[in-house]
């Protein structure tokens, strides 16, 4: 699945990343996810623990 590949790329990018690199990777992931899916519904649960607040702040969470 395409979303599995996006998630794996994100995890690869954040491995051993400092805080700035983590936020860059998280925003990049959110931008790609938004482009592909338009919202965070269906995002793998493990992603929410890493970038859930960023998704909410970016208004990608449907309330």
PDB file of N, CA and C in Angstrom:
ATOM      1  N   UNK A   1       0.837  -1.189   0.000  1.00  0.00           N
ATOM      2  CA  UNK A   1       0.000   0.000   0.000  1.00  0.00           C
ATOM      3  C   UNK A   1       0.877   1.246   0.000  1.00  0.00           C
ATOM      4  N   UNK A   2       0.384   2.271  -0.666  1.00  0.00           N
ATOM      5  CA  UNK A   2       1.122   3.510  -0.764  1.00  0.00           C
ATOM      6  C   UNK A   2       1.343   4.145   0.606  1.00  0.00           C
ATOM      7  N   UNK A   3       0.321   4.079   1.491  1.00  0.00           N
ATOM      8  CA  UNK A   3       0.477   4.714   2.803  1.00  0.00           C
ATOM      9  C   UNK A   3       1.510   3.987   3.658  1.00  0.00           C
ATOM     10  N   UNK A   4       1.681   2.685   3.463  1.00  0.00           N
ATOM     11  CA  UNK A   4       2.733   1.958   4.178  1.00  0.00           C
ATOM     12  C   UNK A   4       4.112   2.452   3.761  1.00  0.00           C
ATOM     13  N   UNK A   5       4.270   2.733   2.481  1.00  0.00           N
ATOM     14  CA  UNK A   5       5.543   3.232   1.976  1.00  0.00           C
ATOM     15  C   UNK A   5       5.829   4.633   2.518  1.00  0.00           C
ATOM     16  N   UNK A   6       4.793   5.485   2.584  1.00  0.00           N
ATOM     17  CA  UNK A   6       4.966   6.820   3.164  1.00  0.00           C
ATOM     18  C   UNK A   6       5.390   6.732   4.624  1.00  0.00           C
ATOM     19  N   UNK A   7       4.725   5.871   5.374  1.00  0.00           N
ATOM     20  CA  UNK A   7       5.052   5.713   6.788  1.00  0.00           C
ATOM     21  C   UNK A   7       6.469   5.178   6.955  1.00  0.00           C
ATOM     22  N   UNK A   8       6.867   4.192   6.174  1.00  0.00           N
ATOM     23  CA  UNK A   8       8.208   3.631   6.288  1.00  0.00           C
ATOM     24  C   UNK A   8       9.265   4.669   5.954  1.00  0.00           C
ATOM     25  N   UNK A   9       9.016   5.483   4.944  1.00  0.00           N
ATOM     26  CA  UNK A   9       9.948   6.559   4.600  1.00  0.00           C
ATOM     27  C   UNK A   9      10.094   7.529   5.754  1.00  0.00           C
ATOM     28  N   UNK A  10       8.981   7.869   6.398  1.00  0.00           N
ATOM     29  CA  UNK A  10       9.029   8.756   7.550  1.00  0.00           C
ATOM     30  C   UNK A  10       9.871   8.139   8.668  1.00  0.00           C
ATOM     31  N   UNK A  11       9.611   6.888   8.995  1.00  0.00           N
ATOM     32  CA  UNK A  11      10.366   6.227  10.061  1.00  0.00           C
ATOM     33  C   UNK A  11      11.862   6.156   9.734  1.00  0.00           C
ATOM     34  N   UNK A  12      12.187   5.936   8.468  1.00  0.00           N
ATOM     35  CA  UNK A  12      13.594   5.923   8.061  1.00  0.00           C
ATOM     36  C   UNK A  12      14.230   7.297   8.268  1.00  0.00           C
ATOM     37  N   UNK A  13      13.478   8.354   7.950  1.00  0.00           N
ATOM     38  CA  UNK A  13      14.008   9.711   8.069  1.00  0.00           C
ATOM     39  C   UNK A  13      14.194  10.148   9.514  1.00  0.00           C
ATOM     40  N   UNK A  14      13.346   9.679  10.431  1.00  0.00           N
ATOM     41  CA  UNK A  14      13.454  10.151  11.814  1.00  0.00           C
ATOM     42  C   UNK A  14      14.410   9.320  12.657  1.00  0.00           C
ATOM     43  N   UNK A  15      14.842   8.195  12.125  1.00  0.00           N
ATOM     44  CA  UNK A  15      15.786   7.373  12.882  1.00  0.00           C
ATOM     45  C   UNK A  15      17.063   8.171  13.095  1.00  0.00           C
ATOM     46  N   UNK A  16      17.437   8.361  14.348  1.00  0.00           N
ATOM     47  CA  UNK A  16      18.629   9.114  14.746  1.00  0.00           C
ATOM     48  C   UNK A  16      18.570  10.597  14.354  1.00  0.00           C
ATOM     49  N   UNK A  17      17.373  11.123  14.106  1.00  0.00           N
ATOM     50  CA  UNK A  17      17.234  12.527  13.723  1.00  0.00           C
ATOM     51  C   UNK A  17      17.240  13.418  14.960  1.00  0.00           C
ATOM     52  N   UNK A  18      17.793  14.616  14.798  1.00  0.00           N
ATOM     53  CA  UNK A  18      17.680  15.590  15.874  1.00  0.00           C
ATOM     54  C   UNK A  18      16.301  16.243  15.786  1.00  0.00           C
ATOM     55  N   UNK A  19      16.010  17.152  16.700  1.00  0.00           N
ATOM     56  CA  UNK A  19      14.668  17.730  16.766  1.00  0.00           C
ATOM     57  C   UNK A  19      14.285  18.469  15.484  1.00  0.00           C
ATOM     58  N   UNK A  20      15.206  19.239  14.940  1.00  0.00           N
ATOM     59  CA  UNK A  20      14.911  19.986  13.710  1.00  0.00           C
ATOM     60  C   UNK A  20      14.633  19.044  12.540  1.00  0.00           C
ATOM     61  N   UNK A  21      15.429  18.003  12.414  1.00  0.00           N
ATOM     62  CA  UNK A  21      15.228  17.037  11.332  1.00  0.00           C
ATOM     63  C   UNK A  21      13.923  16.276  11.515  1.00  0.00           C
ATOM     64  N   UNK A  22      13.567  15.994  12.775  1.00  0.00           N
ATOM     65  CA  UNK A  22      12.305  15.313  13.039  1.00  0.00           C
ATOM     66  C   UNK A  22      11.132  16.164  12.563  1.00  0.00           C
ATOM     67  N   UNK A  23      11.115  17.439  12.938  1.00  0.00           N
ATOM     68  CA  UNK A  23      10.005  18.305  12.533  1.00  0.00           C
ATOM     69  C   UNK A  23       9.957  18.495  11.025  1.00  0.00           C
ATOM     70  N   UNK A  24      11.103  18.559  10.384  1.00  0.00           N
ATOM     71  CA  UNK A  24      11.131  18.662   8.933  1.00  0.00           C
ATOM     72  C   UNK A  24      10.529  17.404   8.298  1.00  0.00           C
ATOM     73  N   UNK A  25      10.919  16.241   8.800  1.00  0.00           N
ATOM     74  CA  UNK A  25      10.381  14.983   8.276  1.00  0.00           C
ATOM     75  C   UNK A  25       8.890  14.868   8.549  1.00  0.00           C
ATOM     76  N   UNK A  26       8.455  15.292   9.740  1.00  0.00           N
ATOM     77  CA  UNK A  26       7.034  15.221  10.090  1.00  0.00           C
ATOM     78  C   UNK A  26       6.206  16.119   9.189  1.00  0.00           C
ATOM     79  N   UNK A  27       6.658  17.331   8.965  1.00  0.00           N
ATOM     80  CA  UNK A  27       5.918  18.244   8.079  1.00  0.00           C
ATOM     81  C   UNK A  27       5.915  17.733   6.643  1.00  0.00           C
ATOM     82  N   UNK A  28       7.019  17.178   6.209  1.00  0.00           N
ATOM     83  CA  UNK A  28       7.084  16.599   4.873  1.00  0.00           C
ATOM     84  C   UNK A  28       6.089  15.454   4.738  1.00  0.00           C
ATOM     85  N   UNK A  29       6.055  14.579   5.750  1.00  0.00           N
ATOM     86  CA  UNK A  29       5.108  13.471   5.743  1.00  0.00           C
ATOM     87  C   UNK A  29       3.674  13.985   5.687  1.00  0.00           C
ATOM     88  N   UNK A  30       3.353  14.974   6.517  1.00  0.00           N
ATOM     89  CA  UNK A  30       1.990  15.515   6.535  1.00  0.00           C
ATOM     90  C   UNK A  30       1.619  16.141   5.203  1.00  0.00           C
ATOM     91  N   UNK A  31       2.551  16.840   4.582  1.00  0.00           N
ATOM     92  CA  UNK A  31       2.277  17.431   3.275  1.00  0.00           C
ATOM     93  C   UNK A  31       1.997  16.358   2.227  1.00  0.00           C
ATOM     94  N   UNK A  32       2.808  15.307   2.228  1.00  0.00           N
ATOM     95  CA  UNK A  32       2.583  14.213   1.283  1.00  0.00           C
ATOM     96  C   UNK A  32       1.268  13.498   1.558  1.00  0.00           C
ATOM     97  N   UNK A  33       0.974  13.264   2.845  1.00  0.00           N
ATOM     98  CA  UNK A  33      -0.262  12.582   3.202  1.00  0.00           C
ATOM     99  C   UNK A  33      -1.473  13.422   2.783  1.00  0.00           C
ATOM    100  N   UNK A  34      -1.406  14.717   3.050  1.00  0.00           N
ATOM    101  CA  UNK A  34      -2.489  15.621   2.675  1.00  0.00           C
ATOM    102  C   UNK A  34      -2.679  15.634   1.160  1.00  0.00           C
ATOM    103  N   UNK A  35      -1.592  15.643   0.424  1.00  0.00           N
ATOM    104  CA  UNK A  35      -1.665  15.627  -1.042  1.00  0.00           C
ATOM    105  C   UNK A  35      -2.337  14.351  -1.540  1.00  0.00           C
ATOM    106  N   UNK A  36      -1.965  13.230  -0.955  1.00  0.00           N
ATOM    107  CA  UNK A  36      -2.494  11.938  -1.398  1.00  0.00           C
ATOM    108  C   UNK A  36      -3.917  11.679  -0.911  1.00  0.00           C
ATOM    109  N   UNK A  37      -4.217  12.048   0.342  1.00  0.00           N
ATOM    110  CA  UNK A  37      -5.468  11.626   0.969  1.00  0.00           C
ATOM    111  C   UNK A  37      -6.349  12.778   1.441  1.00  0.00           C
ATOM    112  N   UNK A  38      -5.782  13.971   1.663  1.00  0.00           N
ATOM    113  CA  UNK A  38      -6.568  15.138   2.027  1.00  0.00           C
ATOM    114  C   UNK A  38      -6.960  15.249   3.486  1.00  0.00           C
ATOM    115  N   UNK A  39      -6.703  14.244   4.287  1.00  0.00           N
ATOM    116  CA  UNK A  39      -7.049  14.247   5.711  1.00  0.00           C
ATOM    117  C   UNK A  39      -6.288  13.110   6.381  1.00  0.00           C
ATOM    118  N   UNK A  40      -6.343  13.063   7.705  1.00  0.00           N
ATOM    119  CA  UNK A  40      -5.594  12.024   8.414  1.00  0.00           C
ATOM    120  C   UNK A  40      -6.402  10.776   8.696  1.00  0.00           C
ATOM    121  N   UNK A  41      -7.645  10.740   8.272  1.00  0.00           N
ATOM    122  CA  UNK A  41      -8.435   9.528   8.433  1.00  0.00           C
ATOM    123  C   UNK A  41      -7.744   8.410   7.654  1.00  0.00           C
ATOM    124  N   UNK A  42      -7.530   7.313   8.308  1.00  0.00           N
ATOM    125  CA  UNK A  42      -6.857   6.188   7.674  1.00  0.00           C
ATOM    126  C   UNK A  42      -5.354   6.186   7.871  1.00  0.00           C
ATOM    127  N   UNK A  43      -4.824   7.236   8.525  1.00  0.00           N
ATOM    128  CA  UNK A  43      -3.399   7.253   8.812  1.00  0.00           C
ATOM    129  C   UNK A  43      -3.108   6.134   9.811  1.00  0.00           C
ATOM    130  N   UNK A  44      -2.027   5.397   9.609  1.00  0.00           N
ATOM    131  CA  UNK A  44      -1.701   4.328  10.560  1.00  0.00           C
ATOM    132  C   UNK A  44      -1.616   4.856  11.989  1.00  0.00           C
ATOM    133  N   UNK A  45      -2.135   4.078  12.933  1.00  0.00           N
ATOM    134  CA  UNK A  45      -2.174   4.512  14.330  1.00  0.00           C
ATOM    135  C   UNK A  45      -0.803   4.869  14.884  1.00  0.00           C
ATOM    136  N   UNK A  46       0.221   4.137  14.485  1.00  0.00           N
ATOM    137  CA  UNK A  46       1.547   4.443  15.013  1.00  0.00           C
ATOM    138  C   UNK A  46       2.030   5.832  14.598  1.00  0.00           C
ATOM    139  N   UNK A  47       1.481   6.361  13.505  1.00  0.00           N
ATOM    140  CA  UNK A  47       1.845   7.712  13.084  1.00  0.00           C
ATOM    141  C   UNK A  47       1.265   8.755  14.025  1.00  0.00           C
ATOM    142  N   UNK A  48       0.100   8.495  14.562  1.00  0.00           N
ATOM    143  CA  UNK A  48      -0.534   9.468  15.450  1.00  0.00           C
ATOM    144  C   UNK A  48       0.312   9.753  16.685  1.00  0.00           C
ATOM    145  N   UNK A  49       1.002   8.760  17.201  1.00  0.00           N
ATOM    146  CA  UNK A  49       1.833   8.990  18.383  1.00  0.00           C
ATOM    147  C   UNK A  49       3.023   9.884  18.064  1.00  0.00           C
ATOM    148  N   UNK A  50       3.446   9.929  16.814  1.00  0.00           N
ATOM    149  CA  UNK A  50       4.574  10.768  16.425  1.00  0.00           C
ATOM    150  C   UNK A  50       4.138  12.162  15.980  1.00  0.00           C
ATOM    151  N   UNK A  51       3.076  12.236  15.205  1.00  0.00           N
ATOM    152  CA  UNK A  51       2.735  13.521  14.590  1.00  0.00           C
ATOM    153  C   UNK A  51       1.272  13.900  14.740  1.00  0.00           C
ATOM    154  N   UNK A  52       0.581  13.289  15.674  1.00  0.00           N
ATOM    155  CA  UNK A  52      -0.829  13.598  15.868  1.00  0.00           C
ATOM    156  C   UNK A  52      -1.098  15.057  16.134  1.00  0.00           C
ATOM    157  N   UNK A  53      -0.308  15.688  16.997  1.00  0.00           N
ATOM    158  CA  UNK A  53      -0.523  17.095  17.309  1.00  0.00           C
ATOM    159  C   UNK A  53      -0.214  17.976  16.097  1.00  0.00           C
ATOM    160  N   UNK A  54       0.816  17.642  15.348  1.00  0.00           N
ATOM    161  CA  UNK A  54       1.123  18.414  14.144  1.00  0.00           C
ATOM    162  C   UNK A  54      -0.012  18.321  13.137  1.00  0.00           C
ATOM    163  N   UNK A  55      -0.608  17.139  13.008  1.00  0.00           N
ATOM    164  CA  UNK A  55      -1.742  16.971  12.097  1.00  0.00           C
ATOM    165  C   UNK A  55      -2.919  17.830  12.545  1.00  0.00           C
ATOM    166  N   UNK A  56      -3.156  17.860  13.841  1.00  0.00           N
ATOM    167  CA  UNK A  56      -4.243  18.673  14.385  1.00  0.00           C
ATOM    168  C   UNK A  56      -3.957  20.157  14.145  1.00  0.00           C
ATOM    169  N   UNK A  57      -2.735  20.581  14.441  1.00  0.00           N
ATOM    170  CA  UNK A  57      -2.355  21.982  14.241  1.00  0.00           C
ATOM    171  C   UNK A  57      -2.422  22.390  12.774  1.00  0.00           C
ATOM    172  N   UNK A  58      -2.165  21.443  11.880  1.00  0.00           N
ATOM    173  CA  UNK A  58      -2.210  21.714  10.440  1.00  0.00           C
ATOM    174  C   UNK A  58      -3.624  21.632   9.883  1.00  0.00           C
ATOM    175  N   UNK A  59      -4.593  21.390  10.763  1.00  0.00           N
ATOM    176  CA  UNK A  59      -6.015  21.316  10.415  1.00  0.00           C
ATOM    177  C   UNK A  59      -6.319  20.193   9.427  1.00  0.00           C
ATOM    178  N   UNK A  60      -5.582  19.086   9.556  1.00  0.00           N
ATOM    179  CA  UNK A  60      -5.855  17.912   8.731  1.00  0.00           C
ATOM    180  C   UNK A  60      -6.761  16.920   9.447  1.00  0.00           C
ATOM    181  N   UNK A  61      -7.052  17.188  10.709  1.00  0.00           N
ATOM    182  CA  UNK A  61      -7.916  16.312  11.498  1.00  0.00           C
ATOM    183  C   UNK A  61      -9.344  16.792  11.322  1.00  0.00           C
ATOM    184  N   UNK A  62     -10.189  15.886  10.894  1.00  0.00           N
ATOM    185  CA  UNK A  62     -11.603  16.216  10.764  1.00  0.00           C
ATOM    186  C   UNK A  62     -12.284  15.978  12.088  1.00  0.00           C
ATOM    187  N   UNK A  63     -12.953  16.999  12.593  1.00  0.00           N
ATOM    188  CA  UNK A  63     -13.605  16.867  13.895  1.00  0.00           C
ATOM    189  C   UNK A  63     -15.041  16.449  13.728  1.00  0.00           C
TER     190      UNK A  63
END
